[in-house]
N, C-alpha and C. Protein backbone atom coordinates (compact mmCIF):
# COMPACT_ATOMS: atom_id res chain seq x y z
N LEU A 1 0.87 9.30 -2.64
CA LEU A 1 0.00 8.62 -1.70
C LEU A 1 0.48 7.20 -1.52
N ALA A 2 0.37 6.74 -0.28
CA ALA A 2 0.73 5.36 0.01
C ALA A 2 -0.42 4.69 0.73
N ASN A 3 -0.50 3.41 0.63
CA ASN A 3 -1.51 2.63 1.34
C ASN A 3 -2.93 3.06 0.99
N LEU A 4 -3.22 3.20 -0.30
CA LEU A 4 -4.55 3.53 -0.75
C LEU A 4 -5.23 2.23 -1.16
N TYR A 5 -6.34 1.92 -0.52
CA TYR A 5 -7.05 0.68 -0.79
C TYR A 5 -8.43 0.98 -1.33
N ILE A 6 -8.78 0.37 -2.44
CA ILE A 6 -10.12 0.48 -3.00
C ILE A 6 -10.63 -0.95 -3.09
N CYS A 7 -11.60 -1.27 -2.25
CA CYS A 7 -12.08 -2.64 -2.22
C CYS A 7 -13.48 -2.69 -1.63
N THR A 8 -14.10 -3.84 -1.71
CA THR A 8 -15.41 -4.07 -1.09
C THR A 8 -15.31 -5.34 -0.27
N GLY A 9 -16.32 -5.59 0.53
CA GLY A 9 -16.38 -6.84 1.26
C GLY A 9 -15.95 -6.75 2.71
N CYS A 10 -15.42 -5.62 3.14
CA CYS A 10 -15.04 -5.43 4.54
C CYS A 10 -15.78 -4.23 5.09
N PRO A 11 -16.02 -4.23 6.40
CA PRO A 11 -16.76 -3.12 7.01
C PRO A 11 -16.11 -1.77 6.72
N LEU A 12 -16.87 -0.88 6.13
CA LEU A 12 -16.43 0.49 5.87
C LEU A 12 -15.07 0.55 5.18
N GLY A 13 -14.75 -0.44 4.37
CA GLY A 13 -13.47 -0.43 3.64
C GLY A 13 -12.28 -0.44 4.55
N CYS A 14 -12.40 -1.06 5.72
CA CYS A 14 -11.32 -1.14 6.72
C CYS A 14 -10.92 0.24 7.23
N GLY A 15 -11.81 1.20 7.12
CA GLY A 15 -11.52 2.54 7.60
C GLY A 15 -10.43 3.23 6.81
N GLY A 16 -10.08 2.68 5.62
CA GLY A 16 -9.02 3.27 4.82
C GLY A 16 -7.63 3.02 5.37
N LYS A 17 -7.52 2.12 6.34
CA LYS A 17 -6.24 1.89 7.01
C LYS A 17 -5.87 0.40 7.04
N GLY A 18 -6.28 -0.31 6.01
CA GLY A 18 -5.96 -1.72 5.95
C GLY A 18 -6.41 -2.32 4.63
N ALA A 19 -6.11 -3.58 4.43
CA ALA A 19 -6.49 -4.29 3.21
C ALA A 19 -7.53 -5.34 3.57
N CYS A 20 -8.50 -5.49 2.68
CA CYS A 20 -9.54 -6.50 2.87
C CYS A 20 -9.05 -7.81 2.26
N VAL A 21 -8.85 -8.81 3.10
CA VAL A 21 -8.38 -10.11 2.64
C VAL A 21 -9.43 -11.14 3.03
N ALA A 22 -10.08 -11.73 2.02
CA ALA A 22 -11.11 -12.75 2.25
C ALA A 22 -12.19 -12.24 3.22
N GLY A 23 -12.58 -10.96 3.07
CA GLY A 23 -13.65 -10.40 3.88
C GLY A 23 -13.25 -9.98 5.28
N VAL A 24 -11.95 -10.01 5.60
CA VAL A 24 -11.46 -9.62 6.93
C VAL A 24 -10.39 -8.55 6.76
N CYS A 25 -10.48 -7.50 7.58
CA CYS A 25 -9.50 -6.42 7.50
C CYS A 25 -8.15 -6.87 8.05
N GLN A 26 -7.11 -6.64 7.26
CA GLN A 26 -5.73 -6.81 7.72
C GLN A 26 -5.20 -5.39 7.88
N CYS A 27 -5.10 -4.92 9.11
CA CYS A 27 -4.79 -3.52 9.38
C CYS A 27 -3.33 -3.20 9.08
N ASP A 28 -3.09 -1.95 8.61
CA ASP A 28 -1.75 -1.45 8.35
C ASP A 28 -0.95 -1.37 9.64
N LEU A 29 0.37 -1.38 9.51
CA LEU A 29 1.26 -1.18 10.64
C LEU A 29 0.93 0.17 11.29
N GLY A 30 0.82 0.19 12.59
CA GLY A 30 0.50 1.42 13.32
C GLY A 30 -0.99 1.64 13.51
N THR A 31 -1.81 0.68 13.05
CA THR A 31 -3.25 0.78 13.26
C THR A 31 -3.72 -0.44 14.04
N VAL A 32 -4.95 -0.35 14.53
CA VAL A 32 -5.50 -1.46 15.32
C VAL A 32 -6.88 -1.82 14.80
N ILE A 33 -7.26 -3.07 15.00
CA ILE A 33 -8.59 -3.54 14.62
C ILE A 33 -9.60 -3.13 15.69
N GLN A 34 -10.74 -2.62 15.26
CA GLN A 34 -11.80 -2.19 16.17
C GLN A 34 -12.84 -3.29 16.32
N LEU A 35 -13.72 -3.15 17.28
CA LEU A 35 -14.77 -4.15 17.51
C LEU A 35 -15.68 -4.33 16.30
N ASP A 36 -15.87 -3.27 15.51
CA ASP A 36 -16.74 -3.38 14.34
C ASP A 36 -16.02 -3.96 13.12
N GLY A 37 -14.75 -4.36 13.30
CA GLY A 37 -14.00 -5.00 12.22
C GLY A 37 -13.22 -4.04 11.34
N THR A 38 -13.31 -2.73 11.60
CA THR A 38 -12.54 -1.77 10.82
C THR A 38 -11.20 -1.49 11.50
N CYS A 39 -10.34 -0.79 10.81
CA CYS A 39 -9.03 -0.42 11.34
C CYS A 39 -9.03 1.06 11.69
N SER A 40 -8.30 1.44 12.72
CA SER A 40 -8.17 2.85 13.05
C SER A 40 -6.76 3.11 13.56
N SER A 41 -6.39 4.39 13.55
CA SER A 41 -5.06 4.78 14.01
C SER A 41 -4.88 4.40 15.47
N SER A 42 -3.68 3.98 15.79
CA SER A 42 -3.37 3.70 17.19
C SER A 42 -3.47 4.99 17.98
N PRO A 43 -3.86 4.91 19.23
CA PRO A 43 -3.95 6.13 20.03
C PRO A 43 -2.60 6.84 20.05
N GLY A 44 -2.65 8.15 20.00
CA GLY A 44 -1.44 8.94 20.10
C GLY A 44 -0.87 9.42 18.78
N ASN A 45 -1.44 8.99 17.64
CA ASN A 45 -0.94 9.50 16.36
C ASN A 45 -1.28 10.98 16.25
N PRO A 46 -0.35 11.81 15.74
CA PRO A 46 -0.64 13.23 15.62
C PRO A 46 -1.78 13.48 14.64
N THR A 47 -2.48 14.59 14.82
CA THR A 47 -3.60 14.93 13.95
C THR A 47 -3.23 16.01 12.94
N ALA A 48 -2.04 16.57 13.04
CA ALA A 48 -1.62 17.60 12.10
C ALA A 48 -0.12 17.51 11.88
N LEU A 49 0.31 18.00 10.73
CA LEU A 49 1.74 18.06 10.42
C LEU A 49 1.98 19.33 9.64
N TYR A 50 2.90 20.15 10.12
CA TYR A 50 3.33 21.35 9.41
C TYR A 50 4.84 21.38 9.45
N GLU A 51 5.43 21.58 8.30
CA GLU A 51 6.89 21.63 8.22
C GLU A 51 7.30 22.83 7.38
N ASN A 52 8.14 23.70 7.92
CA ASN A 52 8.61 24.83 7.14
C ASN A 52 10.07 24.66 6.72
N PHE A 53 10.68 23.53 7.05
CA PHE A 53 12.03 23.19 6.63
C PHE A 53 13.07 24.23 7.04
N GLU A 54 12.85 24.86 8.20
CA GLU A 54 13.79 25.88 8.68
C GLU A 54 15.06 25.27 9.27
N ALA A 55 15.02 24.05 9.69
CA ALA A 55 16.18 23.39 10.28
C ALA A 55 16.21 21.96 9.76
N SER A 56 17.05 21.14 10.34
CA SER A 56 17.07 19.75 9.92
C SER A 56 15.71 19.12 10.21
N LEU A 57 15.36 18.13 9.42
CA LEU A 57 14.05 17.51 9.56
C LEU A 57 13.92 16.82 10.91
N SER A 58 12.77 16.95 11.51
CA SER A 58 12.51 16.38 12.83
C SER A 58 12.02 14.94 12.70
N LEU A 59 12.62 14.04 13.46
CA LEU A 59 12.18 12.64 13.45
C LEU A 59 10.80 12.49 14.07
N SER A 60 10.30 13.52 14.75
CA SER A 60 8.94 13.44 15.29
C SER A 60 7.90 13.66 14.19
N ARG A 61 8.33 14.14 13.01
CA ARG A 61 7.42 14.38 11.89
C ARG A 61 7.66 13.47 10.70
N TRP A 62 8.90 13.07 10.50
CA TRP A 62 9.27 12.33 9.29
C TRP A 62 9.99 11.04 9.65
N THR A 63 9.65 9.98 8.94
CA THR A 63 10.31 8.70 9.19
C THR A 63 11.37 8.40 8.14
N LEU A 64 11.32 9.07 6.98
CA LEU A 64 12.28 8.80 5.93
C LEU A 64 12.43 10.01 5.03
N PHE A 65 13.68 10.41 4.76
CA PHE A 65 14.00 11.47 3.80
C PHE A 65 15.15 10.92 2.97
N LEU A 66 14.84 10.47 1.74
CA LEU A 66 15.80 9.74 0.93
C LEU A 66 15.93 10.38 -0.45
N GLY A 67 17.16 10.59 -0.88
CA GLY A 67 17.42 11.06 -2.23
C GLY A 67 17.17 12.54 -2.43
N GLY A 68 17.15 13.31 -1.36
CA GLY A 68 16.89 14.74 -1.50
C GLY A 68 17.74 15.54 -0.54
N SER A 69 17.52 16.83 -0.57
CA SER A 69 18.23 17.72 0.34
C SER A 69 17.36 18.93 0.61
N LEU A 70 17.73 19.70 1.63
CA LEU A 70 17.05 20.96 1.88
C LEU A 70 17.73 22.03 1.04
N ALA A 71 16.92 22.83 0.36
CA ALA A 71 17.47 23.86 -0.53
C ALA A 71 16.77 25.18 -0.25
N PRO A 72 17.39 26.29 -0.63
CA PRO A 72 16.74 27.60 -0.45
C PRO A 72 15.39 27.63 -1.15
N GLY A 73 14.41 28.32 -0.56
CA GLY A 73 13.08 28.42 -1.14
C GLY A 73 13.09 29.10 -2.50
N PHE A 74 12.13 28.76 -3.34
CA PHE A 74 12.06 29.30 -4.69
C PHE A 74 11.01 30.38 -4.84
N SER A 75 10.29 30.72 -3.76
CA SER A 75 9.24 31.72 -3.86
C SER A 75 9.38 32.71 -2.72
N SER A 76 8.49 33.67 -2.69
CA SER A 76 8.57 34.71 -1.67
C SER A 76 7.71 34.37 -0.45
N ASP A 77 7.27 33.12 -0.31
CA ASP A 77 6.45 32.77 0.85
C ASP A 77 7.31 32.72 2.11
N LEU A 78 6.72 32.32 3.21
CA LEU A 78 7.41 32.33 4.49
C LEU A 78 8.38 31.17 4.67
N SER A 79 8.35 30.19 3.79
CA SER A 79 9.20 29.02 3.94
C SER A 79 10.57 29.29 3.33
N PRO A 80 11.62 29.37 4.16
CA PRO A 80 12.94 29.70 3.62
C PRO A 80 13.61 28.54 2.90
N GLN A 81 13.14 27.32 3.10
CA GLN A 81 13.75 26.16 2.46
C GLN A 81 12.66 25.25 1.92
N VAL A 82 13.04 24.39 1.00
CA VAL A 82 12.15 23.38 0.46
C VAL A 82 12.88 22.05 0.45
N ALA A 83 12.13 20.97 0.47
CA ALA A 83 12.73 19.66 0.27
C ALA A 83 12.90 19.52 -1.25
N TYR A 84 14.14 19.36 -1.68
CA TYR A 84 14.47 19.35 -3.10
C TYR A 84 14.93 17.95 -3.49
N PHE A 85 14.34 17.41 -4.56
CA PHE A 85 14.69 16.08 -5.05
C PHE A 85 15.14 16.20 -6.49
N ALA A 86 16.27 15.61 -6.84
CA ALA A 86 16.78 15.64 -8.21
C ALA A 86 17.58 14.38 -8.47
N GLY A 87 17.83 14.11 -9.73
CA GLY A 87 18.64 12.96 -10.10
C GLY A 87 17.81 11.73 -10.37
N LEU A 88 18.51 10.63 -10.57
CA LEU A 88 17.85 9.38 -10.95
C LEU A 88 17.67 8.43 -9.78
N SER A 89 18.07 8.82 -8.60
CA SER A 89 17.98 7.91 -7.46
C SER A 89 16.55 7.86 -6.93
N SER A 90 16.31 6.94 -6.02
CA SER A 90 15.04 6.83 -5.33
C SER A 90 14.81 8.09 -4.51
N ARG A 91 13.58 8.61 -4.50
CA ARG A 91 13.28 9.83 -3.77
C ARG A 91 12.04 9.62 -2.92
N ARG A 92 12.17 9.84 -1.60
CA ARG A 92 11.03 9.65 -0.70
C ARG A 92 11.12 10.60 0.47
N LEU A 93 9.98 11.15 0.85
CA LEU A 93 9.81 11.91 2.09
C LEU A 93 8.55 11.35 2.72
N VAL A 94 8.71 10.59 3.80
CA VAL A 94 7.60 9.86 4.40
C VAL A 94 7.31 10.44 5.78
N SER A 95 6.06 10.83 6.00
CA SER A 95 5.68 11.38 7.29
C SER A 95 5.35 10.25 8.27
N VAL A 96 5.31 10.60 9.54
CA VAL A 96 4.81 9.66 10.53
C VAL A 96 3.34 9.42 10.24
N ASP A 97 2.77 8.36 10.77
CA ASP A 97 1.34 8.11 10.60
C ASP A 97 0.56 9.24 11.25
N LEU A 98 -0.47 9.71 10.54
CA LEU A 98 -1.32 10.77 11.05
C LEU A 98 -2.74 10.27 11.23
N ASP A 99 -3.43 10.80 12.21
CA ASP A 99 -4.84 10.49 12.42
C ASP A 99 -5.65 11.57 11.71
N THR A 100 -6.14 11.28 10.52
CA THR A 100 -6.86 12.26 9.71
C THR A 100 -8.37 12.01 9.70
N ARG A 101 -8.87 11.24 10.65
CA ARG A 101 -10.31 10.92 10.64
C ARG A 101 -11.19 12.16 10.74
N SER A 102 -10.73 13.20 11.39
CA SER A 102 -11.53 14.42 11.54
C SER A 102 -11.00 15.55 10.66
N ALA A 103 -10.18 15.23 9.70
CA ALA A 103 -9.58 16.26 8.85
C ALA A 103 -10.61 16.92 7.96
N SER A 104 -10.52 18.24 7.85
CA SER A 104 -11.37 18.96 6.91
C SER A 104 -10.55 19.44 5.72
N LEU A 105 -9.21 19.40 5.83
CA LEU A 105 -8.33 19.85 4.75
C LEU A 105 -7.02 19.11 4.82
N ILE A 106 -6.59 18.60 3.68
CA ILE A 106 -5.24 18.04 3.54
C ILE A 106 -4.63 18.77 2.36
N GLU A 107 -3.53 19.47 2.58
CA GLU A 107 -2.96 20.34 1.55
C GLU A 107 -1.47 20.07 1.40
N PHE A 108 -1.03 19.97 0.16
CA PHE A 108 0.38 19.86 -0.16
C PHE A 108 0.73 21.07 -1.01
N THR A 109 1.69 21.86 -0.58
CA THR A 109 2.04 23.05 -1.38
C THR A 109 3.52 23.05 -1.70
């Protein structure tokens, strides 16, 4: 998880998309300040992300894939490949910003 803020003193905790600094929301990159003082996703952020790793990673879904590779799947599920990370180097797979305000499920498998 990235950009997790636990704080008080700002309206609705800045909507979970910013940091409360001296009682004022400082919104994360890719978010905007609302009239009520909270932060929200900029219009146009996707509301869902599904990746089956069947081909090279799409830049429309991922902003960074570092220290890993695509490897054959290890189970009998429908995903033929997995993002595989090994070694001592830095490892990151970062998605584009998502609008999860109406999400009922967030799952990592």
